[in-house]
Protein backbone atom coordinates (compact mmCIF):
# COMPACT_ATOMS: atom_id res chain seq x y z
CA MET A 1 94.03 48.98 70.79
CA ARG A 2 92.77 47.96 67.32
CA ARG A 3 94.65 48.99 64.24
CA HIS A 4 93.20 49.72 60.85
CA PRO A 5 93.72 46.71 58.53
CA ARG A 6 96.03 48.78 56.27
CA SER A 7 98.44 49.37 59.12
CA THR A 8 101.83 47.98 58.19
CA GLN A 9 103.08 47.89 61.77
CA PRO A 10 103.87 44.28 62.63
CA TYR A 11 102.32 42.51 65.56
CA LYS A 12 104.52 42.74 68.61
CA ALA A 13 107.83 40.88 68.16
CA THR A 14 106.93 38.70 65.17
CA PRO A 15 108.89 38.05 61.98
CA VAL A 16 107.39 39.60 58.82
CA GLN A 17 106.36 37.85 55.61
CA VAL A 18 104.61 39.18 52.51
CA ALA A 19 101.56 37.73 50.72
CA ALA A 20 99.83 38.35 47.43
CA ILE A 21 96.03 38.34 47.42
CA CYS A 22 95.76 37.32 43.76
CA TYR A 23 92.48 37.92 41.97
CA ARG A 24 91.05 37.91 38.48
CA HIS A 25 87.77 38.84 36.87
CA LYS A 26 86.30 35.96 34.92
CA ALA A 27 82.80 35.49 33.51
CA GLY A 28 81.48 38.50 35.43
CA SER A 29 82.80 37.40 38.83
CA THR A 30 85.94 37.83 40.89
CA GLN A 31 88.04 34.77 41.68
CA PHE A 32 90.89 34.39 44.17
CA LEU A 33 93.97 32.22 43.93
CA LEU A 34 94.92 30.11 46.92
CA VAL A 35 97.79 27.65 47.19
CA ARG A 36 97.97 24.53 49.29
CA THR A 37 100.76 24.47 51.87
CA THR A 38 102.89 21.45 52.69
CA SER A 39 100.67 20.93 55.74
CA GLY A 40 97.57 20.78 53.51
CA ARG A 41 96.02 24.16 54.36
CA TRP A 42 94.95 26.73 51.77
CA THR A 43 96.58 30.15 51.91
CA PHE A 44 97.68 33.10 49.82
CA PRO A 45 101.09 32.84 48.13
CA LYS A 46 103.52 34.26 50.68
CA GLY A 47 107.13 34.28 51.77
CA ARG A 48 109.97 36.06 53.51
CA LEU A 49 111.29 39.48 52.63
CA GLU A 50 114.27 39.48 50.27
CA ASP A 51 117.19 41.91 50.15
CA GLY A 52 117.02 44.32 47.23
CA LEU A 53 113.29 43.82 46.61
CA SER A 54 110.40 45.95 47.80
CA GLN A 55 107.62 44.26 49.75
CA ALA A 56 105.32 44.50 46.69
CA GLN A 57 108.02 42.92 44.50
CA VAL A 58 108.35 40.04 46.95
CA ALA A 59 104.55 39.57 46.84
CA ALA A 60 104.72 39.38 43.02
CA LEU A 61 107.63 36.92 43.20
CA GLU A 62 105.79 34.66 45.65
CA ALA A 63 102.67 34.75 43.47
CA PHE A 64 104.77 33.62 40.52
CA GLU A 65 106.75 30.95 42.38
CA GLU A 66 103.85 29.45 44.34
CA GLY A 67 100.87 30.23 42.10
CA GLY A 68 102.35 30.53 38.62
CA VAL A 69 100.70 33.92 38.11
CA VAL A 70 101.88 37.29 36.84
CA GLY A 71 100.04 40.56 37.20
CA THR A 72 99.87 44.05 38.60
CA VAL A 73 100.61 44.48 42.30
CA ASP A 74 99.29 47.49 44.21
CA PRO A 75 102.42 48.94 45.87
CA ARG A 76 100.51 49.65 49.10
CA PRO A 77 99.54 46.76 51.35
CA VAL A 78 95.80 46.25 51.92
CA GLY A 79 96.50 45.13 55.44
CA ARG A 80 98.30 42.72 57.67
CA TYR A 81 97.28 39.54 59.39
CA LEU A 82 98.69 37.16 61.94
CA HIS A 83 99.72 33.72 60.73
CA ARG A 84 100.86 30.69 62.72
CA LYS A 85 103.87 29.17 60.99
CA GLU A 86 103.66 25.48 61.84
CA SER A 87 106.77 23.39 61.45
CA LEU A 88 106.61 19.94 59.94
CA ARG A 89 110.33 19.42 60.57
CA GLY A 90 110.25 19.52 64.35
CA TYR A 91 111.18 23.19 64.68
CA ARG A 92 109.29 25.39 67.07
CA SER A 93 106.12 26.92 65.60
CA LYS A 94 105.90 30.71 65.63
CA ASP A 95 103.62 33.62 64.85
CA VAL A 96 104.36 35.66 61.74
CA THR A 97 102.99 39.05 60.67
CA VAL A 98 101.95 38.91 57.01
CA LEU A 99 101.68 42.10 54.95
CA ALA A 100 99.10 41.50 52.21
CA PHE A 101 99.23 43.10 48.77
CA LEU A 102 96.52 42.99 46.09
CA MET A 103 97.59 41.57 42.75
CA GLU A 104 95.36 41.60 39.69
CA VAL A 105 96.41 38.56 37.69
CA LYS A 106 97.02 39.04 33.97
CA LYS A 107 98.55 35.66 33.10
CA ALA A 108 98.62 32.21 34.69
CA ALA A 109 100.88 29.19 34.09
CA LEU A 110 102.26 26.32 36.15
CA PRO A 111 103.96 27.43 39.38
CA ALA A 112 107.74 27.32 39.68
CA GLU A 113 107.31 25.30 42.90
CA SER A 114 105.90 22.07 41.45
CA TYR A 115 104.65 20.77 44.82
CA ARG A 116 102.19 23.68 45.12
CA THR A 117 98.57 23.22 44.19
CA PRO A 118 97.23 26.61 43.08
CA ARG A 119 93.47 26.83 42.60
CA TRP A 120 90.96 29.58 41.84
CA PHE A 121 87.97 30.11 44.15
CA MET A 122 84.99 32.42 44.31
CA ALA A 123 85.22 34.81 47.28
CA ASN A 124 82.97 32.81 49.65
CA ASP A 125 84.73 29.54 48.81
CA ALA A 126 88.15 31.16 49.27
CA LYS A 127 87.11 32.46 52.67
CA GLN A 128 85.88 28.99 53.70
CA ARG A 129 89.14 27.36 52.55
CA LEU A 130 91.20 29.94 54.45
CA ALA A 131 89.21 29.08 57.61
CA VAL A 132 90.00 25.36 57.60
CA GLY A 133 92.62 24.49 60.21
CA ARG A 134 93.10 28.07 61.49
CA ARG A 135 92.59 28.97 65.12
CA ALA A 136 90.13 31.79 65.82
CA LYS A 137 92.67 34.53 66.51
CA TYR A 138 94.47 33.85 63.22
CA LEU A 139 91.28 33.38 61.25
CA HIS A 140 89.84 36.68 62.46
CA THR A 141 92.83 38.67 61.22
CA VAL A 142 93.03 37.00 57.78
CA GLU A 143 89.26 37.36 57.27
CA HIS A 144 89.45 41.03 58.20
CA VAL A 145 92.14 41.68 55.56
CA PHE A 146 90.30 39.55 52.97
CA ASP A 147 87.06 41.49 53.54
CA PHE A 148 88.95 44.78 53.20
CA ALA A 149 90.49 43.52 49.94
CA LEU A 150 87.03 42.56 48.63
CA ARG A 151 85.72 46.06 49.31
CA LYS A 152 88.72 47.64 47.59
CA ILE A 153 88.34 45.41 44.51
CA SER A 154 84.62 46.20 44.40
CA ARG A 155 85.32 49.96 44.51
CA GLN A 156 87.94 49.63 41.75
CA SER A 157 85.57 47.62 39.57
CA ALA A 158 82.82 50.22 40.01
CA ARG A 159 85.01 52.91 38.43
């Protein structure tokens, strides 16, 4: 059974994280912020849920900590994707359900996490960077959510 990409139901028996799909309009185009992980892959700023914060607030916090950006977060997730959390410390790797929230960036600075490498990409470049090092089943789900986010941003911009 396929679920709509906006479904917030997690994949069966996986921990949940939250991501911010950060975007800005610059010089007539839409750019997306990706951050480099400790394993060298590009991804959206994301992290674990935190007590006392809504999922959208956690997305905004992760965007600030990992990407150094502040903006407006849509309180409804645009979708969810499956992510493989690889361990560099010898722990067992595991699948994680990631709820993705759109965030229109208003201001950018250096990230709080100095080891992060945030970078802006055009949509096609962002999609290519997200694909590097991801297995097909994980790539399919993140691409599906990214494409849905692109359509939503396009509809908002047309208004």
